[in-house]
N, C-alpha and C. Protein backbone atom coordinates (compact mmCIF):
# COMPACT_ATOMS: atom_id res chain seq x y z
N MET A 1 2.00 -83.55 -28.13
CA MET A 1 0.87 -82.91 -28.13
C MET A 1 0.99 -81.62 -28.90
N THR A 2 -0.08 -81.61 -29.49
CA THR A 2 -0.06 -80.28 -30.38
C THR A 2 -0.32 -78.84 -29.64
N PRO A 3 0.55 -77.59 -30.26
CA PRO A 3 0.04 -76.56 -29.39
C PRO A 3 -1.53 -75.91 -29.09
N ARG A 4 -2.29 -76.58 -30.09
CA ARG A 4 -3.48 -76.22 -30.08
C ARG A 4 -4.29 -77.03 -28.91
N VAL A 5 -4.02 -78.37 -28.77
CA VAL A 5 -4.45 -79.16 -27.77
C VAL A 5 -3.80 -78.22 -26.27
N ARG A 6 -2.62 -77.99 -26.42
CA ARG A 6 -1.75 -77.21 -25.39
C ARG A 6 -2.67 -76.22 -24.46
N LYS A 7 -3.19 -75.41 -25.68
CA LYS A 7 -3.77 -74.05 -25.30
C LYS A 7 -5.25 -74.33 -25.00
N LEU A 8 -5.69 -75.51 -25.47
CA LEU A 8 -7.04 -75.83 -25.03
C LEU A 8 -7.11 -76.18 -23.61
N ILE A 9 -6.01 -76.99 -23.27
CA ILE A 9 -5.86 -77.36 -21.49
C ILE A 9 -5.14 -76.15 -20.68
N GLY A 10 -4.38 -75.27 -21.26
CA GLY A 10 -3.53 -74.42 -20.58
C GLY A 10 -4.50 -72.93 -20.23
N THR A 11 -5.43 -72.88 -21.27
CA THR A 11 -6.15 -71.41 -20.88
C THR A 11 -7.19 -71.81 -19.91
N PRO A 12 -7.75 -72.65 -19.44
CA PRO A 12 -9.04 -72.90 -18.45
C PRO A 12 -8.02 -72.89 -17.24
N VAL A 13 -6.76 -73.66 -17.19
CA VAL A 13 -6.06 -73.87 -16.02
C VAL A 13 -5.31 -72.37 -15.46
N LEU A 14 -4.89 -71.60 -16.65
CA LEU A 14 -4.56 -70.28 -16.38
C LEU A 14 -5.48 -69.48 -15.74
N VAL A 15 -6.84 -69.55 -16.28
CA VAL A 15 -7.98 -68.65 -15.62
C VAL A 15 -7.97 -68.93 -14.14
N VAL A 16 -8.39 -70.47 -14.18
CA VAL A 16 -8.83 -70.56 -12.96
C VAL A 16 -7.75 -70.53 -11.74
N GLY A 17 -6.54 -70.82 -12.14
CA GLY A 17 -5.35 -70.74 -11.24
C GLY A 17 -5.05 -69.18 -10.83
N VAL A 18 -5.10 -68.21 -11.75
CA VAL A 18 -4.94 -66.85 -11.48
C VAL A 18 -6.37 -66.60 -10.57
N SER A 19 -7.34 -66.86 -10.89
CA SER A 19 -8.58 -66.50 -10.21
C SER A 19 -8.37 -66.94 -8.67
N VAL A 20 -8.04 -68.10 -8.70
CA VAL A 20 -7.99 -68.93 -7.18
C VAL A 20 -6.81 -68.29 -6.43
N TYR A 21 -5.72 -67.88 -7.09
CA TYR A 21 -4.50 -67.20 -6.51
C TYR A 21 -4.90 -65.82 -5.91
N ALA A 22 -5.44 -64.98 -6.81
CA ALA A 22 -6.09 -64.04 -6.30
C ALA A 22 -6.82 -63.77 -5.05
N LEU A 23 -7.75 -64.96 -5.23
CA LEU A 23 -8.75 -65.03 -3.91
C LEU A 23 -7.99 -65.50 -2.81
N ILE A 24 -7.03 -66.51 -2.81
CA ILE A 24 -6.13 -66.92 -1.46
C ILE A 24 -5.22 -65.34 -1.06
N VAL A 25 -4.73 -64.75 -2.12
CA VAL A 25 -3.86 -63.42 -1.58
C VAL A 25 -4.91 -62.32 -1.17
N MET A 26 -5.92 -62.08 -1.65
CA MET A 26 -6.83 -61.33 -0.85
C MET A 26 -7.13 -61.60 0.49
N PHE A 27 -7.44 -62.91 0.49
CA PHE A 27 -8.01 -63.64 1.96
C PHE A 27 -6.66 -63.36 3.04
N VAL A 28 -5.55 -63.92 2.61
CA VAL A 28 -4.29 -63.88 3.36
C VAL A 28 -3.96 -62.43 3.87
N GLY A 29 -4.14 -61.29 2.81
CA GLY A 29 -3.80 -59.99 3.03
C GLY A 29 -4.65 -59.42 3.95
N GLN A 30 -5.96 -59.68 3.75
CA GLN A 30 -6.92 -59.18 4.60
C GLN A 30 -7.11 -59.64 6.09
N LEU A 31 -6.73 -60.91 6.18
CA LEU A 31 -6.49 -61.36 7.45
C LEU A 31 -5.40 -60.97 8.09
N LYS A 32 -3.97 -61.20 7.60
CA LYS A 32 -2.95 -60.86 8.38
C LYS A 32 -2.65 -59.24 8.28
N LEU A 33 -3.17 -58.40 7.47
CA LEU A 33 -2.77 -57.24 7.39
C LEU A 33 -3.87 -55.90 7.45
N ALA A 34 -4.94 -56.78 8.11
CA ALA A 34 -6.16 -55.57 8.43
C ALA A 34 -5.62 -54.50 9.34
N ASP A 35 -4.85 -54.59 10.38
CA ASP A 35 -4.49 -53.42 11.00
C ASP A 35 -3.05 -52.76 11.08
N SER A 36 -2.75 -53.35 9.70
CA SER A 36 -0.94 -52.87 9.46
C SER A 36 -1.29 -51.58 8.69
N HIS A 37 0.17 -51.03 8.69
CA HIS A 37 0.34 -49.77 7.84
C HIS A 37 -0.15 -49.75 6.64
N PRO A 38 -1.03 -48.81 6.09
CA PRO A 38 -1.01 -48.97 4.92
C PRO A 38 0.45 -49.12 3.73
N ALA A 39 1.32 -48.52 3.97
CA ALA A 39 2.50 -49.01 3.30
C ALA A 39 2.89 -50.34 3.42
N ALA A 40 2.84 -51.11 4.35
CA ALA A 40 2.61 -52.53 4.46
C ALA A 40 1.84 -53.08 3.34
N GLN A 41 0.63 -52.90 3.54
CA GLN A 41 -0.58 -53.23 2.77
C GLN A 41 0.05 -53.14 1.20
N LEU A 42 0.50 -52.05 0.95
CA LEU A 42 0.89 -52.00 -0.59
C LEU A 42 1.81 -52.86 -0.81
N ALA A 43 3.06 -52.60 -0.18
CA ALA A 43 4.02 -53.69 -0.43
C ALA A 43 3.74 -55.12 -0.48
N PHE A 44 2.81 -55.60 0.43
CA PHE A 44 2.11 -56.92 0.34
C PHE A 44 1.72 -57.07 -0.98
N PHE A 45 0.77 -56.40 -1.50
CA PHE A 45 -0.06 -56.55 -2.43
C PHE A 45 0.46 -56.39 -3.74
N ALA A 46 1.58 -55.46 -3.59
CA ALA A 46 2.41 -55.24 -4.97
C ALA A 46 3.12 -56.34 -5.31
N VAL A 47 4.14 -57.17 -4.34
CA VAL A 47 4.78 -58.28 -4.51
C VAL A 47 3.76 -59.13 -4.81
N PHE A 48 2.68 -59.66 -4.16
CA PHE A 48 1.79 -60.91 -4.44
C PHE A 48 1.02 -60.63 -5.76
N GLY A 49 0.91 -59.45 -5.77
CA GLY A 49 0.15 -59.06 -7.17
C GLY A 49 0.94 -59.34 -8.54
N LEU A 50 2.24 -59.26 -8.46
CA LEU A 50 3.34 -59.58 -9.51
C LEU A 50 3.70 -60.77 -9.50
N LEU A 51 3.60 -61.83 -8.45
CA LEU A 51 4.30 -62.90 -8.27
C LEU A 51 3.65 -64.11 -9.33
N TRP A 52 2.26 -63.90 -9.46
CA TRP A 52 1.50 -64.70 -10.34
C TRP A 52 2.15 -65.20 -11.64
N ILE A 53 2.96 -63.94 -11.98
CA ILE A 53 3.44 -63.92 -13.28
C ILE A 53 4.21 -65.01 -13.87
N ILE A 54 5.20 -65.55 -12.85
CA ILE A 54 5.84 -66.54 -13.00
C ILE A 54 5.59 -67.77 -13.30
N PRO A 55 4.53 -68.23 -12.71
CA PRO A 55 3.96 -69.58 -13.01
C PRO A 55 2.99 -69.40 -14.25
N ALA A 56 2.37 -68.06 -14.31
CA ALA A 56 1.87 -67.90 -15.72
C ALA A 56 2.70 -68.08 -16.83
N GLY A 57 3.80 -67.27 -16.82
CA GLY A 57 4.78 -67.37 -17.79
C GLY A 57 4.99 -68.66 -17.97
N LEU A 58 5.63 -69.45 -17.33
CA LEU A 58 5.87 -70.80 -17.25
C LEU A 58 4.59 -71.86 -18.21
N LEU A 59 3.46 -71.58 -17.70
CA LEU A 59 2.40 -72.14 -18.38
C LEU A 59 2.10 -71.86 -19.65
N ILE A 60 2.22 -70.49 -20.05
CA ILE A 60 2.16 -70.02 -21.34
C ILE A 60 3.48 -70.31 -22.31
N ARG A 61 4.61 -70.41 -21.89
CA ARG A 61 5.70 -71.09 -22.50
C ARG A 61 5.29 -72.59 -22.77
N TRP A 62 4.71 -73.41 -22.03
CA TRP A 62 4.64 -74.76 -22.23
C TRP A 62 3.16 -74.84 -23.35
N MET A 63 2.41 -73.97 -23.30
CA MET A 63 1.44 -73.73 -24.06
C MET A 63 2.02 -73.71 -25.60
N GLU A 64 2.84 -72.79 -25.63
CA GLU A 64 3.13 -72.56 -27.10
C GLU A 64 3.94 -73.68 -27.76
N GLY A 65 4.14 -74.56 -26.97
CA GLY A 65 5.08 -75.87 -27.54
C GLY A 65 6.12 -76.40 -26.91
N GLY A 66 6.29 -75.89 -25.78
CA GLY A 66 7.60 -76.62 -24.93
C GLY A 66 8.65 -75.55 -24.76
């Protein structure tokens, strides 16, 4: 599979995946942390706000050619 085809497949997967991930994290964070301390909310959203980078990086590496 050429890098061009991989980018054609990977780009929509990345956009949809990050969007769905963000919605899930926001829903879970709002559901579980609504009454908690703002520092706990900050820590949760900071960790899970950066966690999407790992699968996105792997997908981008695959898109570039393996």
